[in-house]
Amino acid sequence: MTGIAFAKGHGTENDFVVLPDPDGTLDLTAARVAALCDRRRGLGADGVLRVIRWAALKDGDDSTDFPAEPGVEWFMDYRNADGSAAEMCGNGVRVYAHWLDRAGWLPDGETLRLGTRAGVREVWFTGDEVSVDMGPARVGPASTARVGTRTFTGTAVDVGNPHLACVGDVELDALDLAVEPDHDRALFPHGVNVEFVTPVHDGRVAMRVHERGVGETRSCGTGTVAAVVAALRAAGRATGEVEVRTPGGRLRVTVTDETTVLHGPAVLVASGELDSTWWDGIRTTP
C-alpha cells in the first residue's frame, strides 16, 4: 500500500471520512482534516472519524485528558470539518461501529464499548439498525438563537457536546441556515449546535440543524437527541420514544429516566487510498 487507507460513509446523510489508524501513526493535523472534508479539493464530508486504539493516543491528540477504561479498545477521534476536535457525534458513532464490524475488528455477538471525548458509549446492532446509548442528557437554561431577523427561544441541552434546541411551530424549509445562528457566547463559550424542531405530534418531530464547525448538515445524531429531549419537555413529558425526520432521513430516540438511546442506519459507501503526495503537500494550518 503506497497511499493512506480511507472509507466514506454516512448516517442519514451526515457524512464522514473514516481513517483507519489503529496504532496512531497518522499525523492528522487540522489542515489535513479541513482538506479532506472540503467538497472541492478533498473527498468531502461533515467530519473525519479516526479509528484508533485508545492506548495508541498520544499527548497532543486532544483525547488524553482522561485515562483509557479497562476493556475499551477503540477510541472515536472525531474532528469537525473545520479541523476542530469534537466531544461526540451520534451519527459518527454508528458509522464508526459499522466500519469496525465490517472490518472484522469486533468480537461477534458483543456490545461494543467505544471511547469518545464525551466518555464511553455502548453500541449494538439490530438487523440494519445501529443503536447507541448516548448517556443522560443534561438540560440547561433557556436561551435564544437568531436567524436573520427572527429570534427563537430554545433550551440548552448537553449530550456530551453543547446544543440549543428550539421547539416551535416554524416552517423549517424557510430557514436560512447557511450562516451560523447568533447565540449567547457567554452561555456557549465554545460554540453550540442549534436545532430547530417541530412540536411532538403522533410520536414524531421534524428537525433542521446548524452544527458548530461544520454548518448546516443533513442530520446530527447528538442534535437529534437534544431535539427530542427538548420537544418532550415542551409537551410536558420527561421520557418517551420519538421518531425524528431530518433532511437526510429518519432516526429514533428513546429517552428514559436514566439515559437516552439513538437508533438509526449506518452506510459505508466506498473505500480506497489517499494519494500520499497530496497528503504530504497539505499546509500545516487550515
Protein backbone atom coordinates (compact mmCIF):
# COMPACT_ATOMS: atom_id res chain seq x y z
CA MET A 1 0.00 0.00 0.00
CA THR A 2 1.53 3.30 -1.09
CA GLY A 3 -1.30 5.58 -0.02
CA ILE A 4 -3.36 6.17 3.11
CA ALA A 5 -6.41 3.95 3.55
CA PHE A 6 -9.81 5.60 3.92
CA ALA A 7 -13.51 4.81 3.75
CA LYS A 8 -16.51 7.05 3.17
CA GLY A 9 -19.79 6.57 4.99
CA HIS A 10 -22.85 8.34 6.31
CA GLY A 11 -25.59 8.14 8.90
CA THR A 12 -28.81 9.65 7.47
CA GLU A 13 -26.61 11.63 5.03
CA ASN A 14 -24.41 13.10 7.80
CA ASP A 15 -21.22 12.00 6.03
CA PHE A 16 -17.72 11.16 7.23
CA VAL A 17 -14.28 10.17 6.06
CA VAL A 18 -13.12 7.15 8.07
CA LEU A 19 -9.33 6.91 8.58
CA PRO A 20 -8.17 3.54 9.95
CA ASP A 21 -5.20 4.36 12.19
CA PRO A 22 -5.19 1.65 14.89
CA ASP A 23 -1.66 2.33 16.09
CA GLY A 24 -1.78 6.14 15.86
CA THR A 25 0.79 6.60 13.11
CA LEU A 26 -1.02 9.28 11.10
CA ASP A 27 -0.18 12.95 11.62
CA LEU A 28 -3.80 14.09 11.48
CA THR A 29 -3.48 17.87 11.54
CA ALA A 30 -6.38 20.31 11.48
CA ALA A 31 -5.29 21.35 7.99
CA ARG A 32 -5.48 17.77 6.72
CA VAL A 33 -8.93 17.30 8.26
CA ALA A 34 -10.18 20.51 6.64
CA ALA A 35 -8.72 19.48 3.27
CA LEU A 36 -10.27 16.01 3.45
CA CYS A 37 -13.69 17.45 4.29
CA ASP A 38 -13.58 20.13 1.58
CA ARG A 39 -16.07 19.12 -1.11
CA ARG A 40 -13.97 20.60 -3.92
CA ARG A 41 -10.33 19.96 -3.04
CA GLY A 42 -10.82 16.83 -0.94
CA LEU A 43 -13.19 13.90 -0.53
CA GLY A 44 -15.94 16.00 1.05
CA ALA A 45 -17.51 15.26 4.43
CA ASP A 46 -19.04 16.75 7.56
CA GLY A 47 -16.19 15.33 9.62
CA VAL A 48 -13.40 12.79 9.99
CA LEU A 49 -13.54 9.62 12.11
CA ARG A 50 -10.08 8.34 13.03
CA VAL A 51 -10.25 4.67 14.05
CA ILE A 52 -7.58 4.40 16.73
CA ARG A 53 -6.94 2.23 19.77
CA TRP A 54 -7.34 4.20 22.98
CA ALA A 55 -3.91 3.02 24.12
CA ALA A 56 -2.34 4.49 20.97
CA LEU A 57 -3.43 8.07 21.68
CA LYS A 58 -0.50 10.40 22.27
CA ASP A 59 -0.07 13.67 24.11
CA GLY A 60 -1.40 16.43 21.91
CA ASP A 61 -4.21 14.33 20.46
CA ASP A 62 -6.78 16.35 22.45
CA SER A 63 -8.05 12.99 23.68
CA THR A 64 -5.74 12.22 26.59
CA ASP A 65 -7.42 14.20 29.35
CA PHE A 66 -8.84 11.00 30.84
CA PRO A 67 -7.30 7.50 31.02
CA ALA A 68 -8.48 4.59 28.92
CA GLU A 69 -11.06 2.39 30.63
CA PRO A 70 -10.26 -1.31 31.09
CA GLY A 71 -11.75 -3.42 28.34
CA VAL A 72 -12.35 -0.49 25.98
CA GLU A 73 -10.08 -0.96 22.98
CA TRP A 74 -11.27 1.62 20.45
CA PHE A 75 -11.50 5.39 20.63
CA MET A 76 -13.51 7.59 18.24
CA ASP A 77 -11.23 10.51 17.43
CA TYR A 78 -13.83 12.76 15.78
CA ARG A 79 -12.92 16.02 14.03
CA ASN A 80 -15.33 18.61 12.63
CA ALA A 81 -14.99 19.72 9.02
CA ASP A 82 -13.03 22.83 10.07
CA GLY A 83 -10.41 20.62 11.74
CA SER A 84 -11.53 21.22 15.33
CA ALA A 85 -11.96 18.29 17.72
CA ALA A 86 -15.48 17.48 18.93
CA GLU A 87 -16.61 15.66 22.04
CA MET A 88 -19.25 13.45 20.47
CA CYS A 89 -21.07 12.60 17.23
CA GLY A 90 -24.05 10.27 17.37
CA ASN A 91 -24.21 9.58 13.62
CA GLY A 92 -20.44 9.21 13.59
CA VAL A 93 -20.51 6.58 16.35
CA ARG A 94 -22.84 4.44 14.26
CA VAL A 95 -20.69 4.76 11.13
CA TYR A 96 -17.52 4.06 13.16
CA ALA A 97 -19.06 0.95 14.74
CA HIS A 98 -20.34 -0.25 11.36
CA TRP A 99 -16.84 0.15 9.89
CA LEU A 100 -15.29 -1.84 12.77
CA ASP A 101 -17.88 -4.57 12.27
CA ARG A 102 -17.32 -4.70 8.51
CA ALA A 103 -13.53 -4.80 9.03
CA GLY A 104 -13.88 -7.77 11.38
CA TRP A 105 -12.37 -5.87 14.28
CA LEU A 106 -15.25 -6.57 16.68
CA PRO A 107 -15.92 -9.76 18.67
CA ASP A 108 -19.07 -11.47 17.40
CA GLY A 109 -22.22 -11.04 19.43
CA GLU A 110 -20.83 -8.50 21.87
CA THR A 111 -21.90 -4.95 22.62
CA LEU A 112 -19.19 -2.51 21.59
CA ARG A 113 -17.90 -0.18 24.27
CA LEU A 114 -16.37 2.76 22.45
CA GLY A 115 -14.30 5.60 23.90
CA THR A 116 -15.16 9.18 22.94
CA ARG A 117 -14.21 12.60 24.29
CA ALA A 118 -17.62 12.61 25.99
CA GLY A 119 -16.96 9.28 27.71
CA VAL A 120 -17.60 5.62 26.89
CA ARG A 121 -20.62 4.82 24.72
CA GLU A 122 -22.21 1.39 24.26
CA VAL A 123 -23.22 0.39 20.72
CA TRP A 124 -25.18 -2.63 19.49
CA PHE A 125 -26.58 -3.91 16.20
CA THR A 126 -30.16 -4.99 15.45
CA GLY A 127 -30.51 -6.00 11.82
CA ASP A 128 -29.62 -2.99 9.69
CA GLU A 129 -30.05 -0.61 12.65
CA VAL A 130 -27.26 0.59 14.92
CA SER A 131 -28.18 1.80 18.42
CA VAL A 132 -26.04 3.94 20.70
CA ASP A 133 -26.53 4.56 24.41
CA MET A 134 -25.85 8.30 24.42
CA GLY A 135 -25.98 8.67 28.20
CA PRO A 136 -28.26 11.05 30.10
CA ALA A 137 -28.90 14.43 28.52
CA ARG A 138 -28.31 17.39 30.83
CA VAL A 139 -30.88 20.13 30.42
CA GLY A 140 -29.67 23.68 30.96
CA PRO A 141 -31.27 27.12 30.91
CA ALA A 142 -33.43 28.72 28.25
CA SER A 143 -31.67 30.86 25.69
CA THR A 144 -32.23 32.27 22.21
CA ALA A 145 -30.91 31.89 18.68
CA ARG A 146 -31.29 34.47 15.96
CA VAL A 147 -31.65 33.61 12.27
CA GLY A 148 -31.86 36.70 10.08
CA THR A 149 -34.45 38.94 11.67
CA ARG A 150 -36.14 36.16 13.66
CA THR A 151 -35.36 35.19 17.25
CA PHE A 152 -36.15 31.68 18.51
CA THR A 153 -36.34 30.57 22.13
CA GLY A 154 -34.59 27.31 22.90
CA THR A 155 -33.37 25.04 25.66
CA ALA A 156 -29.72 24.28 26.32
CA VAL A 157 -29.12 20.52 26.24
CA ASP A 158 -25.76 18.84 26.80
CA VAL A 159 -25.37 15.45 25.09
CA GLY A 160 -21.65 15.30 25.63
CA ASN A 161 -21.46 18.37 23.39
CA PRO A 162 -23.50 21.60 23.61
CA HIS A 163 -26.86 22.13 21.92
CA LEU A 164 -29.59 24.73 21.82
CA ALA A 165 -32.85 23.06 20.77
CA CYS A 166 -35.56 25.50 19.65
CA VAL A 167 -39.02 23.88 19.64
CA GLY A 168 -41.91 25.63 17.94
CA ASP A 169 -44.33 25.81 15.04
CA VAL A 170 -41.92 27.01 12.39
CA GLU A 171 -41.71 26.42 8.65
CA LEU A 172 -38.40 24.58 8.65
CA ASP A 173 -37.87 24.83 4.91
CA ALA A 174 -37.98 28.63 5.12
CA LEU A 175 -35.00 28.91 7.48
CA ASP A 176 -31.68 30.08 6.07
CA LEU A 177 -29.07 28.10 7.99
CA ALA A 178 -26.17 28.86 5.68
CA VAL A 179 -24.85 31.24 8.35
CA GLU A 180 -24.30 30.30 11.99
CA PRO A 181 -27.27 31.45 14.10
CA ASP A 182 -26.46 34.18 16.61
CA HIS A 183 -26.40 32.82 20.16
CA ASP A 184 -25.31 33.65 23.69
CA ARG A 185 -21.50 33.42 23.61
CA ALA A 186 -21.31 33.61 27.40
CA LEU A 187 -23.56 30.54 27.79
CA PHE A 188 -21.82 28.70 24.93
CA PRO A 189 -18.19 29.86 25.01
CA HIS A 190 -17.03 27.00 22.77
CA GLY A 191 -19.86 27.34 20.27
CA VAL A 192 -23.11 25.41 20.03
CA ASN A 193 -25.11 23.19 17.72
CA VAL A 194 -28.51 24.79 17.10
CA GLU A 195 -31.60 22.68 16.33
CA PHE A 196 -34.97 23.90 15.08
CA VAL A 197 -37.64 21.36 15.95
CA THR A 198 -41.39 21.00 15.42
CA PRO A 199 -43.56 20.00 18.41
CA VAL A 200 -44.23 16.30 19.04
CA HIS A 201 -47.20 15.06 17.02
CA ASP A 202 -48.15 11.38 16.88
CA GLY A 203 -44.75 10.49 18.26
CA ARG A 204 -42.86 12.36 15.54
CA VAL A 205 -40.95 15.61 15.09
CA ALA A 206 -39.03 17.22 12.22
CA MET A 207 -35.69 18.97 12.62
CA ARG A 208 -33.01 21.02 10.90
CA VAL A 209 -29.63 21.75 12.48
CA HIS A 210 -26.62 24.03 12.17
CA GLU A 211 -23.53 22.31 13.60
CA ARG A 212 -20.65 24.29 15.03
CA GLY A 213 -17.51 23.96 12.99
CA VAL A 214 -19.43 22.47 10.06
CA GLY A 215 -22.52 24.44 9.03
CA GLU A 216 -25.92 23.00 8.24
CA THR A 217 -25.80 19.22 8.00
CA ARG A 218 -28.37 16.78 6.65
CA SER A 219 -28.61 15.17 10.08
CA CYS A 220 -26.98 15.29 13.52
CA GLY A 221 -27.12 12.39 15.97
CA THR A 222 -26.49 14.30 19.18
CA GLY A 223 -28.71 17.09 17.86
CA THR A 224 -31.49 14.58 17.31
CA VAL A 225 -31.24 13.50 20.94
CA ALA A 226 -31.21 17.12 22.14
CA ALA A 227 -34.20 17.91 19.93
CA VAL A 228 -36.25 15.02 21.32
CA VAL A 229 -35.39 15.85 24.92
CA ALA A 230 -36.48 19.47 24.38
CA ALA A 231 -39.60 18.52 22.39
CA LEU A 232 -40.74 16.05 25.05
CA ARG A 233 -40.27 18.68 27.75
CA ALA A 234 -42.24 21.18 25.69
CA ALA A 235 -45.04 18.58 25.60
CA GLY A 236 -44.88 18.17 29.38
CA ARG A 237 -43.07 14.83 29.31
CA ALA A 238 -39.66 13.74 30.55
CA THR A 239 -39.48 10.34 28.82
CA GLY A 240 -40.68 8.67 25.64
CA GLU A 241 -39.70 7.45 22.18
CA VAL A 242 -39.88 9.85 19.24
CA GLU A 243 -39.16 9.46 15.53
CA VAL A 244 -37.20 12.36 14.07
CA ARG A 245 -37.37 13.37 10.40
CA THR A 246 -34.21 15.13 9.26
CA PRO A 247 -33.38 16.25 5.71
CA GLY A 248 -31.15 13.16 5.45
CA GLY A 249 -33.55 10.54 6.79
CA ARG A 250 -35.31 9.24 9.86
CA LEU A 251 -33.92 8.39 13.30
CA ARG A 252 -35.47 7.26 16.58
CA VAL A 253 -34.61 8.45 20.05
CA THR A 254 -35.59 6.73 23.29
CA VAL A 255 -35.46 8.87 26.44
CA THR A 256 -35.69 7.12 29.82
CA ASP A 257 -35.18 8.33 33.37
CA GLU A 258 -31.60 7.01 33.22
CA THR A 259 -30.33 7.59 29.67
CA THR A 260 -31.01 8.34 26.02
CA VAL A 261 -30.61 5.93 23.09
CA LEU A 262 -30.19 6.86 19.43
CA HIS A 263 -31.33 4.34 16.79
CA GLY A 264 -30.64 4.62 13.07
CA PRO A 265 -28.86 3.34 9.97
CA ALA A 266 -25.19 3.49 9.05
CA VAL A 267 -23.95 3.18 5.46
CA LEU A 268 -20.47 2.59 4.04
CA VAL A 269 -20.22 4.00 0.52
CA ALA A 270 -16.64 3.49 -0.65
CA SER A 271 -13.08 2.71 0.34
CA GLY A 272 -9.72 3.44 -1.22
CA GLU A 273 -6.40 5.18 -0.72
CA LEU A 274 -5.48 8.83 -0.35
CA ASP A 275 -2.57 9.87 -2.53
CA SER A 276 0.43 10.26 -0.24
CA THR A 277 1.81 13.15 -2.30
CA TRP A 278 -1.46 15.06 -1.83
CA TRP A 279 -1.45 14.25 1.91
CA ASP A 280 2.16 15.34 2.40
CA GLY A 281 1.62 18.55 0.47
CA ILE A 282 -1.15 19.95 2.67
CA ARG A 283 -0.22 23.09 4.59
CA THR A 284 0.24 22.73 8.36
CA THR A 285 -2.66 25.09 9.12
CA PRO A 286 -6.18 25.15 7.57
